[in-house]
Amino acid sequence: MSAEPSVFPSPPRGERGSKQAKELSLVISTPVSVVARLTGIRHLRAEDASGAFGIWPGHADLLTALAVSVISWRDDQGRDGHCAVRGGVLTIHDGARIAVATREAVTGEDLHALERDVLARFRRDREEEGEARSGARRMHLAAIRHILAYLRPERRAGGPFGPGRDSGEKAS
């Protein structure tokens, strides 16, 4: 076990639903590869828009949209693992099978390095994509305005080849 403070809370007390799985399995995948395929996971911590949450064996089935964050887990040997994800979807099936689908994922053993370096890059990429979408939206609106200006009746008074507002001639 690492000397870093644990990211995991104490185990839950009492029974967790009717499903009594003893361990979790985890698959983290991107569109181009399977980043992690693990079994023997004791518990997992992830983060969505509502905040951080923990998953233990026997958890209720769940579907949630992940934030840009680090997923952390501890296996049955007491080893911690971490994976920075660029958002994505997390599902839990049968209280034991966890699947994460994300655009991009980076695994690492150093939680602080993942949070500092990888998450900063993911957030920067997300901001750049937002700026690009905004620019594309502005170009789309400008194109529509130009088309509408061209199609206005006063513009077409002389027909498509006749004098118009832009030709410098006056229509009679």
Foldseek 3Di string as FASTA:
>chain_A
DDPDDDPDDDDDPDDQPPQDDQWAWEWEEAPVGTPDTGIQWAKKWFAQPVGIDIAGQNHDWDKGKGDQAKMWTAGPVRAIWIKGALIFMWTDPSSHYIYTYGNDMDIDRDRVCCVPPVSVVSVVVVVVVVVVVVVVVVVVVVVVVVVVVCPDCQQQVQHPPGDGPPPPDDDD
